[in-house]
N, C-alpha and C. Protein backbone atom coordinates (compact mmCIF):
# COMPACT_ATOMS: atom_id res chain seq x y z
N MET A 1 -18.57 14.83 12.78
CA MET A 1 -18.16 14.87 11.36
C MET A 1 -18.90 13.86 10.55
N LEU A 2 -19.03 12.64 11.08
CA LEU A 2 -19.74 11.57 10.31
C LEU A 2 -20.79 10.93 11.20
N ARG A 3 -21.97 10.75 10.70
CA ARG A 3 -23.03 10.06 11.43
C ARG A 3 -23.70 9.06 10.49
N VAL A 4 -23.70 7.82 10.87
CA VAL A 4 -24.27 6.75 10.14
C VAL A 4 -25.49 6.24 10.90
N ASN A 5 -26.62 6.18 10.25
CA ASN A 5 -27.87 5.77 10.92
C ASN A 5 -28.55 4.63 10.18
N ASN A 6 -28.87 3.61 10.93
CA ASN A 6 -29.68 2.42 10.45
C ASN A 6 -29.17 1.88 9.10
N LEU A 7 -27.81 1.75 9.00
CA LEU A 7 -27.22 1.31 7.76
C LEU A 7 -27.42 -0.21 7.58
N LYS A 8 -27.97 -0.56 6.37
CA LYS A 8 -28.22 -2.00 6.10
C LYS A 8 -27.67 -2.31 4.70
N VAL A 9 -27.06 -3.45 4.62
CA VAL A 9 -26.56 -3.96 3.36
C VAL A 9 -26.99 -5.36 3.19
N LYS A 10 -27.64 -5.70 2.07
CA LYS A 10 -28.06 -7.12 1.78
C LYS A 10 -27.47 -7.56 0.48
N TYR A 11 -27.03 -8.84 0.44
CA TYR A 11 -26.66 -9.49 -0.76
C TYR A 11 -27.64 -10.65 -1.01
N GLY A 12 -28.65 -10.39 -1.82
CA GLY A 12 -29.75 -11.38 -1.97
C GLY A 12 -30.49 -11.40 -0.63
N VAL A 13 -30.55 -12.66 -0.06
CA VAL A 13 -31.26 -12.82 1.20
C VAL A 13 -30.35 -12.68 2.38
N ILE A 14 -29.05 -12.50 2.14
CA ILE A 14 -28.04 -12.45 3.24
C ILE A 14 -27.96 -11.03 3.70
N GLU A 15 -28.13 -10.78 5.02
CA GLU A 15 -27.98 -9.46 5.62
C GLU A 15 -26.56 -9.33 6.12
N ALA A 16 -25.73 -8.55 5.41
CA ALA A 16 -24.32 -8.41 5.86
C ALA A 16 -24.23 -7.36 6.90
N VAL A 17 -25.01 -6.29 6.78
CA VAL A 17 -25.00 -5.18 7.79
C VAL A 17 -26.48 -4.98 8.16
N ARG A 18 -26.75 -5.03 9.47
CA ARG A 18 -28.12 -5.13 9.92
C ARG A 18 -28.59 -3.91 10.74
N GLY A 19 -28.57 -2.77 10.11
CA GLY A 19 -29.18 -1.58 10.78
C GLY A 19 -28.28 -0.99 11.81
N ILE A 20 -26.98 -0.65 11.47
CA ILE A 20 -26.04 -0.17 12.45
C ILE A 20 -26.03 1.36 12.52
N ASP A 21 -25.65 1.89 13.65
CA ASP A 21 -25.47 3.32 13.91
C ASP A 21 -24.12 3.59 14.49
N PHE A 22 -23.43 4.59 14.03
CA PHE A 22 -22.21 5.03 14.70
C PHE A 22 -21.85 6.44 14.21
N ASN A 23 -20.98 7.11 14.97
CA ASN A 23 -20.60 8.46 14.63
C ASN A 23 -19.11 8.63 14.86
N VAL A 24 -18.56 9.59 14.12
CA VAL A 24 -17.11 9.88 14.23
C VAL A 24 -16.97 11.37 14.44
N LYS A 25 -16.27 11.80 15.42
CA LYS A 25 -16.00 13.22 15.62
C LYS A 25 -14.71 13.63 14.93
N ALA A 26 -14.62 14.85 14.61
CA ALA A 26 -13.36 15.41 14.01
C ALA A 26 -12.17 15.16 14.97
N GLY A 27 -11.13 14.63 14.41
CA GLY A 27 -9.83 14.47 15.19
C GLY A 27 -9.80 13.16 15.90
N GLU A 28 -10.81 12.28 15.77
CA GLU A 28 -10.81 10.95 16.40
C GLU A 28 -10.11 9.91 15.53
N ILE A 29 -9.65 8.86 16.18
CA ILE A 29 -9.33 7.62 15.51
C ILE A 29 -10.32 6.62 15.98
N VAL A 30 -11.22 6.16 15.14
CA VAL A 30 -12.21 5.16 15.46
C VAL A 30 -11.94 3.84 14.86
N THR A 31 -12.01 2.77 15.64
CA THR A 31 -11.82 1.46 15.05
C THR A 31 -13.13 0.69 15.11
N ILE A 32 -13.37 -0.11 14.10
CA ILE A 32 -14.44 -1.05 14.01
C ILE A 32 -13.83 -2.46 13.96
N ILE A 33 -13.98 -3.23 15.05
CA ILE A 33 -13.33 -4.52 15.15
C ILE A 33 -14.29 -5.61 14.99
N GLY A 34 -13.89 -6.65 14.25
CA GLY A 34 -14.78 -7.80 14.05
C GLY A 34 -14.04 -8.89 13.26
N ALA A 35 -14.57 -10.08 13.34
CA ALA A 35 -13.90 -11.22 12.64
C ALA A 35 -14.21 -11.12 11.13
N ASN A 36 -13.56 -11.91 10.37
CA ASN A 36 -13.82 -11.99 8.92
C ASN A 36 -15.26 -12.41 8.74
N GLY A 37 -15.98 -11.70 7.78
CA GLY A 37 -17.41 -11.93 7.52
C GLY A 37 -18.32 -11.22 8.47
N ALA A 38 -17.77 -10.36 9.36
CA ALA A 38 -18.70 -9.68 10.32
C ALA A 38 -19.47 -8.54 9.66
N GLY A 39 -18.98 -8.07 8.53
CA GLY A 39 -19.68 -6.93 7.80
C GLY A 39 -18.86 -5.70 7.73
N LYS A 40 -17.54 -5.79 8.09
CA LYS A 40 -16.69 -4.63 8.10
C LYS A 40 -16.55 -3.95 6.76
N THR A 41 -16.12 -4.74 5.75
CA THR A 41 -15.88 -4.20 4.42
C THR A 41 -17.18 -3.77 3.83
N SER A 42 -18.28 -4.48 4.05
CA SER A 42 -19.57 -4.03 3.55
C SER A 42 -20.00 -2.67 4.12
N THR A 43 -19.65 -2.43 5.40
CA THR A 43 -19.94 -1.15 6.00
C THR A 43 -19.23 0.02 5.27
N LEU A 44 -17.93 -0.19 5.03
CA LEU A 44 -17.16 0.84 4.29
C LEU A 44 -17.67 0.98 2.87
N SER A 45 -17.95 -0.13 2.24
CA SER A 45 -18.43 -0.06 0.86
C SER A 45 -19.77 0.73 0.79
N ALA A 46 -20.58 0.55 1.80
CA ALA A 46 -21.89 1.25 1.84
C ALA A 46 -21.71 2.78 2.02
N ILE A 47 -20.68 3.16 2.86
CA ILE A 47 -20.51 4.57 3.14
C ILE A 47 -20.00 5.22 1.82
N PHE A 48 -19.24 4.53 1.02
CA PHE A 48 -18.73 5.07 -0.24
C PHE A 48 -19.71 4.77 -1.42
N ASN A 49 -20.85 4.25 -1.11
CA ASN A 49 -21.85 3.96 -2.13
C ASN A 49 -21.38 3.00 -3.22
N LEU A 50 -20.58 1.98 -2.81
CA LEU A 50 -20.07 1.00 -3.70
C LEU A 50 -20.97 -0.21 -3.78
N VAL A 51 -21.93 -0.30 -2.85
CA VAL A 51 -22.91 -1.35 -2.83
C VAL A 51 -24.33 -0.72 -2.55
N LYS A 52 -25.40 -1.43 -2.85
CA LYS A 52 -26.72 -0.99 -2.50
C LYS A 52 -26.87 -0.99 -0.99
N LYS A 53 -27.54 -0.07 -0.50
CA LYS A 53 -27.75 0.07 0.99
C LYS A 53 -29.05 0.74 1.26
N GLU A 54 -29.37 0.65 2.56
CA GLU A 54 -30.46 1.41 3.17
C GLU A 54 -29.88 2.17 4.32
N GLY A 55 -30.53 3.24 4.76
CA GLY A 55 -30.06 4.03 5.86
C GLY A 55 -29.41 5.31 5.36
N SER A 56 -28.90 6.09 6.31
CA SER A 56 -28.34 7.41 5.91
C SER A 56 -26.86 7.51 6.38
N VAL A 57 -26.15 8.30 5.57
CA VAL A 57 -24.77 8.65 5.94
C VAL A 57 -24.67 10.18 5.79
N LYS A 58 -24.43 10.83 6.93
CA LYS A 58 -24.29 12.28 6.91
C LYS A 58 -22.90 12.68 7.28
N PHE A 59 -22.34 13.63 6.53
CA PHE A 59 -20.99 14.06 6.67
C PHE A 59 -20.85 15.56 6.73
N VAL A 60 -20.41 16.11 7.84
CA VAL A 60 -20.28 17.58 8.03
C VAL A 60 -21.61 18.18 7.67
N GLU A 61 -22.68 17.75 8.30
CA GLU A 61 -23.96 18.30 8.25
C GLU A 61 -24.73 18.01 6.94
N GLY A 62 -24.06 17.42 5.93
CA GLY A 62 -24.73 17.14 4.65
C GLY A 62 -25.03 15.63 4.50
N ASP A 63 -26.06 15.32 3.80
CA ASP A 63 -26.39 13.89 3.58
C ASP A 63 -25.73 13.42 2.27
N ILE A 64 -24.84 12.46 2.41
CA ILE A 64 -24.08 12.00 1.25
C ILE A 64 -24.54 10.57 0.83
N SER A 65 -25.68 10.17 1.37
CA SER A 65 -26.16 8.80 1.18
C SER A 65 -26.30 8.40 -0.24
N LYS A 66 -26.77 9.35 -1.08
CA LYS A 66 -27.06 8.98 -2.52
C LYS A 66 -26.13 9.55 -3.46
N LEU A 67 -25.01 10.17 -3.04
CA LEU A 67 -24.02 10.65 -3.95
C LEU A 67 -23.19 9.56 -4.57
N SER A 68 -22.69 9.79 -5.79
CA SER A 68 -21.83 8.87 -6.38
C SER A 68 -20.51 8.84 -5.73
N THR A 69 -19.70 7.81 -5.84
CA THR A 69 -18.48 7.58 -5.13
C THR A 69 -17.49 8.72 -5.37
N ASP A 70 -17.36 9.15 -6.61
CA ASP A 70 -16.40 10.20 -6.90
C ASP A 70 -16.81 11.53 -6.27
N LYS A 71 -18.06 11.81 -6.09
CA LYS A 71 -18.54 13.00 -5.37
C LYS A 71 -18.29 12.86 -3.88
N ILE A 72 -18.44 11.67 -3.33
CA ILE A 72 -18.16 11.44 -1.95
C ILE A 72 -16.67 11.73 -1.62
N VAL A 73 -15.80 11.29 -2.58
CA VAL A 73 -14.36 11.54 -2.41
C VAL A 73 -14.09 13.00 -2.46
N LYS A 74 -14.76 13.73 -3.32
CA LYS A 74 -14.60 15.13 -3.48
C LYS A 74 -15.05 15.90 -2.26
N HIS A 75 -15.98 15.31 -1.46
CA HIS A 75 -16.41 15.92 -0.19
C HIS A 75 -15.38 15.82 0.95
N GLY A 76 -14.33 14.95 0.68
CA GLY A 76 -13.31 14.86 1.69
C GLY A 76 -13.14 13.52 2.36
N LEU A 77 -13.68 12.43 1.78
CA LEU A 77 -13.55 11.15 2.27
C LEU A 77 -12.55 10.32 1.42
N SER A 78 -11.68 9.58 2.06
CA SER A 78 -10.73 8.71 1.33
C SER A 78 -10.77 7.37 1.85
N LEU A 79 -10.47 6.35 0.98
CA LEU A 79 -10.52 4.95 1.41
C LEU A 79 -9.21 4.22 1.06
N VAL A 80 -8.61 3.54 2.04
CA VAL A 80 -7.51 2.62 1.84
C VAL A 80 -8.18 1.26 1.85
N PRO A 81 -8.37 0.64 0.62
CA PRO A 81 -9.12 -0.65 0.58
C PRO A 81 -8.35 -1.79 1.12
N GLU A 82 -9.05 -2.87 1.52
CA GLU A 82 -8.34 -4.07 1.98
C GLU A 82 -7.64 -4.68 0.76
N GLY A 83 -6.41 -5.11 1.00
CA GLY A 83 -5.58 -5.68 -0.08
C GLY A 83 -4.84 -4.62 -0.87
N ARG A 84 -4.84 -3.36 -0.37
CA ARG A 84 -4.09 -2.24 -0.94
C ARG A 84 -4.65 -1.73 -2.27
N ARG A 85 -4.75 -2.68 -3.24
CA ARG A 85 -5.34 -2.34 -4.57
C ARG A 85 -4.67 -1.15 -5.26
N ILE A 86 -3.34 -1.08 -5.08
CA ILE A 86 -2.65 -0.11 -5.89
C ILE A 86 -2.52 -0.60 -7.34
N PHE A 87 -2.16 0.25 -8.18
CA PHE A 87 -1.98 -0.08 -9.67
C PHE A 87 -0.58 -0.60 -9.83
N ILE A 88 -0.51 -1.96 -10.00
CA ILE A 88 0.82 -2.62 -10.05
C ILE A 88 1.64 -2.29 -11.29
N ASN A 89 0.92 -1.89 -12.33
CA ASN A 89 1.64 -1.59 -13.61
C ASN A 89 1.94 -0.07 -13.77
N LEU A 90 1.69 0.64 -12.67
CA LEU A 90 2.08 2.09 -12.65
C LEU A 90 3.16 2.30 -11.60
N THR A 91 3.92 3.41 -11.75
CA THR A 91 4.92 3.69 -10.81
C THR A 91 4.36 4.28 -9.46
N VAL A 92 5.14 4.35 -8.54
CA VAL A 92 4.74 5.03 -7.26
C VAL A 92 4.19 6.37 -7.51
N GLU A 93 4.95 7.20 -8.28
CA GLU A 93 4.54 8.53 -8.60
C GLU A 93 3.16 8.56 -9.32
N GLU A 94 3.04 7.64 -10.29
CA GLU A 94 1.75 7.61 -11.04
C GLU A 94 0.56 7.21 -10.15
N ASN A 95 0.81 6.29 -9.22
CA ASN A 95 -0.25 5.97 -8.26
C ASN A 95 -0.62 7.17 -7.41
N LEU A 96 0.35 7.92 -6.99
CA LEU A 96 0.09 9.11 -6.19
C LEU A 96 -0.68 10.17 -6.96
N LYS A 97 -0.34 10.31 -8.25
CA LYS A 97 -1.00 11.30 -9.07
C LYS A 97 -2.49 10.99 -9.21
N ILE A 98 -2.77 9.76 -9.32
CA ILE A 98 -4.20 9.28 -9.45
C ILE A 98 -4.95 9.73 -8.13
N GLY A 99 -4.25 9.48 -7.05
CA GLY A 99 -4.92 9.82 -5.73
C GLY A 99 -5.16 11.33 -5.61
N ALA A 100 -4.40 12.16 -6.34
CA ALA A 100 -4.47 13.63 -6.15
C ALA A 100 -5.42 14.25 -7.27
N TYR A 101 -6.27 13.39 -7.87
CA TYR A 101 -7.03 13.97 -9.03
C TYR A 101 -8.01 15.07 -8.59
N THR A 102 -8.39 15.14 -7.29
CA THR A 102 -9.22 16.22 -6.86
C THR A 102 -8.45 17.48 -6.59
N ASN A 103 -7.11 17.44 -6.63
CA ASN A 103 -6.24 18.58 -6.29
C ASN A 103 -5.03 18.62 -7.15
N GLU A 104 -5.22 18.40 -8.47
CA GLU A 104 -4.16 18.22 -9.38
C GLU A 104 -3.20 19.41 -9.45
N GLU A 105 -3.76 20.62 -9.32
CA GLU A 105 -2.94 21.82 -9.43
C GLU A 105 -1.86 21.91 -8.33
N ASN A 106 -2.09 21.18 -7.22
CA ASN A 106 -1.09 21.26 -6.10
C ASN A 106 -0.34 19.92 -6.06
N TYR A 107 -0.38 19.15 -7.07
CA TYR A 107 0.16 17.80 -7.04
C TYR A 107 1.64 17.71 -6.58
N GLU A 108 2.45 18.61 -7.14
CA GLU A 108 3.93 18.56 -6.89
C GLU A 108 4.21 18.81 -5.43
N ASN A 109 3.53 19.81 -4.89
CA ASN A 109 3.72 20.07 -3.41
C ASN A 109 3.21 18.90 -2.60
N LEU A 110 2.05 18.41 -2.91
CA LEU A 110 1.37 17.29 -2.21
C LEU A 110 2.28 16.06 -2.28
N LYS A 111 2.81 15.82 -3.44
CA LYS A 111 3.71 14.64 -3.60
C LYS A 111 4.90 14.72 -2.70
N GLU A 112 5.50 15.85 -2.67
CA GLU A 112 6.71 15.98 -1.76
C GLU A 112 6.35 15.86 -0.33
N GLU A 113 5.17 16.27 0.07
CA GLU A 113 4.70 16.10 1.42
C GLU A 113 4.57 14.59 1.72
N MET A 114 4.05 13.83 0.81
CA MET A 114 3.89 12.39 1.03
C MET A 114 5.26 11.71 1.10
N PHE A 115 6.20 12.18 0.34
CA PHE A 115 7.57 11.62 0.39
C PHE A 115 8.22 11.94 1.69
N ARG A 116 7.90 13.09 2.32
CA ARG A 116 8.39 13.35 3.67
C ARG A 116 7.79 12.41 4.71
N LEU A 117 6.49 12.09 4.50
CA LEU A 117 5.89 11.16 5.44
C LEU A 117 6.38 9.74 5.23
N PHE A 118 6.56 9.38 3.99
CA PHE A 118 6.95 8.01 3.62
C PHE A 118 8.30 8.09 2.85
N PRO A 119 9.37 8.22 3.53
CA PRO A 119 10.73 8.44 2.81
C PRO A 119 11.07 7.28 1.88
N ARG A 120 10.61 6.12 2.22
CA ARG A 120 10.95 4.92 1.39
C ARG A 120 10.35 5.09 0.00
N LEU A 121 9.20 5.69 -0.06
CA LEU A 121 8.55 5.88 -1.34
C LEU A 121 9.28 6.83 -2.28
N LYS A 122 9.94 7.81 -1.66
CA LYS A 122 10.75 8.71 -2.51
C LYS A 122 11.90 7.97 -3.17
N GLN A 123 12.49 6.99 -2.55
CA GLN A 123 13.51 6.16 -3.10
C GLN A 123 12.97 5.28 -4.21
N LYS A 124 11.67 4.90 -4.06
CA LYS A 124 11.01 3.99 -5.01
C LYS A 124 10.12 4.72 -5.99
N ARG A 125 10.26 5.99 -6.14
CA ARG A 125 9.27 6.82 -6.83
C ARG A 125 9.06 6.38 -8.30
N ASN A 126 10.10 5.82 -8.96
CA ASN A 126 10.01 5.33 -10.32
C ASN A 126 9.80 3.85 -10.44
N SER A 127 9.60 3.19 -9.33
CA SER A 127 9.39 1.73 -9.29
C SER A 127 7.93 1.41 -9.52
N TYR A 128 7.68 0.28 -10.26
CA TYR A 128 6.32 -0.13 -10.50
C TYR A 128 5.71 -0.72 -9.23
N GLY A 129 4.46 -0.50 -9.02
CA GLY A 129 3.74 -0.98 -7.84
C GLY A 129 3.92 -2.48 -7.61
N GLY A 130 3.95 -3.24 -8.69
CA GLY A 130 4.09 -4.71 -8.55
C GLY A 130 5.43 -5.19 -8.07
N SER A 131 6.38 -4.30 -8.13
CA SER A 131 7.80 -4.70 -7.71
C SER A 131 8.01 -4.37 -6.18
N LEU A 132 7.07 -3.74 -5.59
CA LEU A 132 7.24 -3.30 -4.17
C LEU A 132 6.92 -4.43 -3.17
N SER A 133 7.51 -4.34 -2.01
CA SER A 133 7.09 -5.25 -0.94
C SER A 133 5.74 -4.95 -0.44
N GLY A 134 5.19 -5.84 0.40
CA GLY A 134 3.86 -5.62 0.87
C GLY A 134 3.74 -4.31 1.74
N GLY A 135 4.80 -4.08 2.57
CA GLY A 135 4.82 -2.89 3.42
C GLY A 135 4.88 -1.63 2.52
N GLU A 136 5.70 -1.71 1.46
CA GLU A 136 5.84 -0.52 0.58
C GLU A 136 4.49 -0.26 -0.15
N GLN A 137 3.85 -1.36 -0.59
CA GLN A 137 2.55 -1.18 -1.26
C GLN A 137 1.51 -0.57 -0.29
N GLN A 138 1.55 -0.97 0.99
CA GLN A 138 0.63 -0.38 1.89
C GLN A 138 0.86 1.14 2.08
N ARG A 139 2.13 1.50 2.08
CA ARG A 139 2.48 2.95 2.18
C ARG A 139 2.00 3.67 0.99
N VAL A 140 2.13 3.05 -0.17
CA VAL A 140 1.56 3.71 -1.42
C VAL A 140 0.07 3.94 -1.25
N ALA A 141 -0.63 2.92 -0.73
CA ALA A 141 -2.12 2.99 -0.62
C ALA A 141 -2.49 4.14 0.34
N PHE A 142 -1.72 4.29 1.45
CA PHE A 142 -2.04 5.34 2.38
C PHE A 142 -1.66 6.72 1.83
N ALA A 143 -0.47 6.77 1.19
CA ALA A 143 -0.13 8.09 0.58
C ALA A 143 -1.09 8.46 -0.51
N ARG A 144 -1.61 7.51 -1.29
CA ARG A 144 -2.62 7.82 -2.28
C ARG A 144 -3.91 8.34 -1.65
N ALA A 145 -4.23 7.81 -0.52
CA ALA A 145 -5.42 8.22 0.16
C ALA A 145 -5.26 9.58 0.89
N LEU A 146 -4.07 9.90 1.37
CA LEU A 146 -3.84 11.11 2.08
C LEU A 146 -3.47 12.32 1.22
N ILE A 147 -3.07 12.05 -0.02
CA ILE A 147 -2.48 13.13 -0.86
C ILE A 147 -3.53 14.20 -1.20
N ASN A 148 -4.79 13.83 -1.20
CA ASN A 148 -5.81 14.84 -1.62
C ASN A 148 -6.39 15.59 -0.40
N LYS A 149 -5.66 15.51 0.79
CA LYS A 149 -6.02 16.25 1.98
C LYS A 149 -7.42 15.93 2.43
N PRO A 150 -7.73 14.65 2.65
CA PRO A 150 -9.13 14.33 3.06
C PRO A 150 -9.42 14.80 4.47
N LYS A 151 -10.70 14.94 4.75
CA LYS A 151 -11.12 15.25 6.09
C LYS A 151 -11.14 13.99 6.96
N ILE A 152 -11.37 12.86 6.35
CA ILE A 152 -11.41 11.59 7.00
C ILE A 152 -10.94 10.48 6.14
N VAL A 153 -10.13 9.59 6.69
CA VAL A 153 -9.59 8.46 5.99
C VAL A 153 -10.11 7.17 6.61
N PHE A 154 -10.66 6.33 5.75
CA PHE A 154 -11.11 4.99 6.14
C PHE A 154 -10.11 3.92 5.66
N ALA A 155 -9.73 3.06 6.55
CA ALA A 155 -8.76 2.04 6.28
C ALA A 155 -9.27 0.65 6.54
N ASP A 156 -9.28 -0.21 5.54
CA ASP A 156 -9.82 -1.57 5.71
C ASP A 156 -8.65 -2.56 5.91
N GLU A 157 -8.56 -3.07 7.10
CA GLU A 157 -7.50 -4.00 7.51
C GLU A 157 -6.13 -3.48 7.04
N PRO A 158 -5.69 -2.34 7.59
CA PRO A 158 -4.46 -1.67 7.13
C PRO A 158 -3.19 -2.50 7.41
N THR A 159 -3.24 -3.36 8.37
CA THR A 159 -2.06 -4.17 8.68
C THR A 159 -2.10 -5.60 8.21
N GLY A 160 -3.06 -5.81 7.31
CA GLY A 160 -3.21 -7.21 6.77
C GLY A 160 -1.98 -7.63 6.04
N ASN A 161 -1.48 -8.86 6.37
CA ASN A 161 -0.31 -9.50 5.72
C ASN A 161 1.03 -8.72 5.99
N LEU A 162 1.03 -7.83 7.00
CA LEU A 162 2.24 -7.25 7.38
C LEU A 162 2.78 -7.88 8.69
N ASP A 163 4.11 -7.90 8.74
CA ASP A 163 4.71 -8.47 9.97
C ASP A 163 4.53 -7.53 11.16
N PRO A 164 4.70 -7.97 12.39
CA PRO A 164 4.45 -7.15 13.52
C PRO A 164 5.21 -5.86 13.58
N GLU A 165 6.51 -5.81 13.11
CA GLU A 165 7.27 -4.60 13.08
C GLU A 165 6.71 -3.56 12.18
N HIS A 166 6.36 -3.96 10.91
CA HIS A 166 5.80 -3.01 9.93
C HIS A 166 4.37 -2.59 10.36
N SER A 167 3.63 -3.54 10.97
CA SER A 167 2.28 -3.09 11.46
C SER A 167 2.39 -2.08 12.50
N ASN A 168 3.25 -2.23 13.48
CA ASN A 168 3.43 -1.27 14.52
C ASN A 168 3.89 0.10 13.96
N GLU A 169 4.76 0.04 13.02
CA GLU A 169 5.30 1.28 12.35
C GLU A 169 4.23 2.05 11.70
N LEU A 170 3.34 1.33 10.99
CA LEU A 170 2.25 1.95 10.24
C LEU A 170 1.25 2.55 11.25
N ILE A 171 0.82 1.78 12.25
CA ILE A 171 -0.17 2.32 13.16
C ILE A 171 0.40 3.54 13.93
N SER A 172 1.65 3.44 14.29
CA SER A 172 2.32 4.59 14.96
C SER A 172 2.29 5.84 14.10
N LEU A 173 2.44 5.66 12.79
CA LEU A 173 2.44 6.81 11.88
C LEU A 173 1.00 7.39 11.84
N LEU A 174 0.03 6.55 11.79
CA LEU A 174 -1.39 7.05 11.81
C LEU A 174 -1.66 7.84 13.06
N ILE A 175 -1.24 7.28 14.17
CA ILE A 175 -1.43 8.02 15.47
C ILE A 175 -0.68 9.37 15.45
N HIS A 176 0.53 9.40 14.79
CA HIS A 176 1.31 10.64 14.65
C HIS A 176 0.57 11.66 13.82
N LEU A 177 -0.01 11.21 12.69
CA LEU A 177 -0.80 12.06 11.80
C LEU A 177 -2.01 12.62 12.54
N ASN A 178 -2.64 11.80 13.37
CA ASN A 178 -3.79 12.23 14.11
C ASN A 178 -3.45 13.27 15.12
N LYS A 179 -2.40 12.98 15.92
CA LYS A 179 -2.01 13.96 16.98
C LYS A 179 -1.40 15.25 16.40
N THR A 180 -0.64 15.13 15.34
CA THR A 180 0.07 16.34 14.76
C THR A 180 -0.81 17.20 13.92
N PHE A 181 -1.62 16.50 13.06
CA PHE A 181 -2.40 17.27 12.05
C PHE A 181 -3.92 17.14 12.30
N ASN A 182 -4.29 16.46 13.35
CA ASN A 182 -5.74 16.33 13.70
C ASN A 182 -6.45 15.54 12.62
N GLN A 183 -5.71 14.61 11.96
CA GLN A 183 -6.31 13.81 10.90
C GLN A 183 -7.25 12.76 11.51
N THR A 184 -8.42 12.66 10.94
CA THR A 184 -9.44 11.77 11.38
C THR A 184 -9.38 10.46 10.62
N PHE A 185 -9.40 9.32 11.42
CA PHE A 185 -9.35 8.00 10.78
C PHE A 185 -10.45 7.15 11.29
N VAL A 186 -10.95 6.26 10.39
CA VAL A 186 -11.83 5.12 10.79
C VAL A 186 -11.05 3.88 10.23
N ILE A 187 -10.71 2.99 11.24
CA ILE A 187 -9.94 1.77 10.86
C ILE A 187 -10.79 0.55 11.18
N VAL A 188 -11.00 -0.27 10.21
CA VAL A 188 -11.67 -1.59 10.41
C VAL A 188 -10.61 -2.65 10.46
N THR A 189 -10.74 -3.56 11.47
CA THR A 189 -9.67 -4.50 11.73
C THR A 189 -10.19 -5.68 12.54
N HIS A 190 -9.45 -6.77 12.51
CA HIS A 190 -9.77 -7.89 13.44
C HIS A 190 -8.75 -7.91 14.58
N ASN A 191 -7.89 -6.94 14.61
CA ASN A 191 -6.78 -6.90 15.54
C ASN A 191 -7.12 -6.15 16.75
N GLN A 192 -7.25 -6.80 17.92
CA GLN A 192 -7.67 -6.17 19.19
C GLN A 192 -6.57 -5.20 19.71
N GLU A 193 -5.36 -5.51 19.45
CA GLU A 193 -4.24 -4.63 19.89
C GLU A 193 -4.37 -3.30 19.25
N ILE A 194 -4.69 -3.28 17.96
CA ILE A 194 -4.87 -1.98 17.26
C ILE A 194 -6.05 -1.16 17.87
N ALA A 195 -7.16 -1.88 18.09
CA ALA A 195 -8.32 -1.22 18.65
C ALA A 195 -8.06 -0.57 20.02
N ASP A 196 -7.20 -1.26 20.82
CA ASP A 196 -7.00 -0.81 22.17
C ASP A 196 -6.12 0.44 22.18
N ARG A 197 -5.46 0.76 21.11
CA ARG A 197 -4.59 1.98 21.05
C ARG A 197 -5.36 3.20 20.57
N MET A 198 -6.60 3.03 20.21
CA MET A 198 -7.31 4.18 19.57
C MET A 198 -8.35 4.80 20.53
N ASP A 199 -8.94 5.97 20.05
CA ASP A 199 -9.80 6.73 20.93
C ASP A 199 -11.10 6.06 21.26
N LYS A 200 -11.64 5.36 20.26
CA LYS A 200 -12.98 4.82 20.45
C LYS A 200 -13.10 3.60 19.53
N HIS A 201 -13.65 2.52 20.06
CA HIS A 201 -13.87 1.40 19.15
C HIS A 201 -15.21 0.70 19.27
N TYR A 202 -15.69 0.20 18.17
CA TYR A 202 -16.99 -0.51 18.09
C TYR A 202 -16.65 -1.96 17.79
N HIS A 203 -17.52 -2.83 18.24
CA HIS A 203 -17.44 -4.23 17.88
C HIS A 203 -18.55 -4.58 16.94
N LEU A 204 -18.19 -5.23 15.78
CA LEU A 204 -19.15 -5.60 14.77
C LEU A 204 -19.21 -7.14 14.73
N GLU A 205 -20.37 -7.66 14.86
CA GLU A 205 -20.52 -9.15 14.84
C GLU A 205 -21.87 -9.45 14.20
N ASN A 206 -21.78 -10.30 13.14
CA ASN A 206 -22.99 -10.73 12.42
C ASN A 206 -23.80 -9.53 11.96
N GLY A 207 -23.07 -8.50 11.54
CA GLY A 207 -23.78 -7.35 10.98
C GLY A 207 -24.37 -6.39 11.99
N LYS A 208 -24.21 -6.64 13.27
CA LYS A 208 -24.72 -5.72 14.37
C LYS A 208 -23.50 -5.07 15.06
N LEU A 209 -23.67 -3.81 15.40
CA LEU A 209 -22.57 -3.00 15.94
C LEU A 209 -22.85 -2.56 17.37
N SER A 210 -21.82 -2.66 18.22
CA SER A 210 -21.97 -2.15 19.57
C SER A 210 -20.72 -1.40 19.97
N LEU A 211 -20.91 -0.32 20.71
CA LEU A 211 -19.83 0.57 21.19
C LEU A 211 -19.13 -0.15 22.41
N VAL A 212 -17.81 -0.30 22.23
CA VAL A 212 -17.03 -0.98 23.31
C VAL A 212 -16.49 0.06 24.29
N ASN A 213 -15.81 1.15 23.76
CA ASN A 213 -15.30 2.22 24.59
C ASN A 213 -15.30 3.52 23.84
N SER A 214 -15.32 4.61 24.55
CA SER A 214 -15.27 5.90 23.93
C SER A 214 -14.59 6.90 24.86
């Protein structure tokens, strides 16, 4: 489904990503594990063309390396960014509607589907993002990414600042979505326990990537 070749990202003279290669098959959950500063966020930013890069990104046989971010999303890629980045001055429903901009005609049905996956959000549907707990905000971020029916979801440190109980609940939900709906995920994390639960994981260190297991 996704093939990344010789991906490089530089910030001035600093090489954040140093010519990495990896691939993701449909229906996999792939993790990229590494410490802070290893290049994980830069890798995702490059895939979504949010930073200048070298190398190629091919998705379902097409080259998306030079597409604008909005066109990449329309091809079926979604991103849950680090720190959630939901709109704190908008309600839960308004955040979800923004996520569904590529499929607005089906928004009502898609919204109800998200509320079934995340029942707590239905109770908070009219609450502003800034009033939610960290776990609730993370659920909004995932629902916003999932609502447009992406082929692949990228999640940057999805359990960041969550307690162990909420972290486990969230990862269990992602595994459920993968097994039940064949949803493909790429998760970047520093958490080894998360990586050990997934199909395949890579280790990223100093901008270089190596396959740990598959």
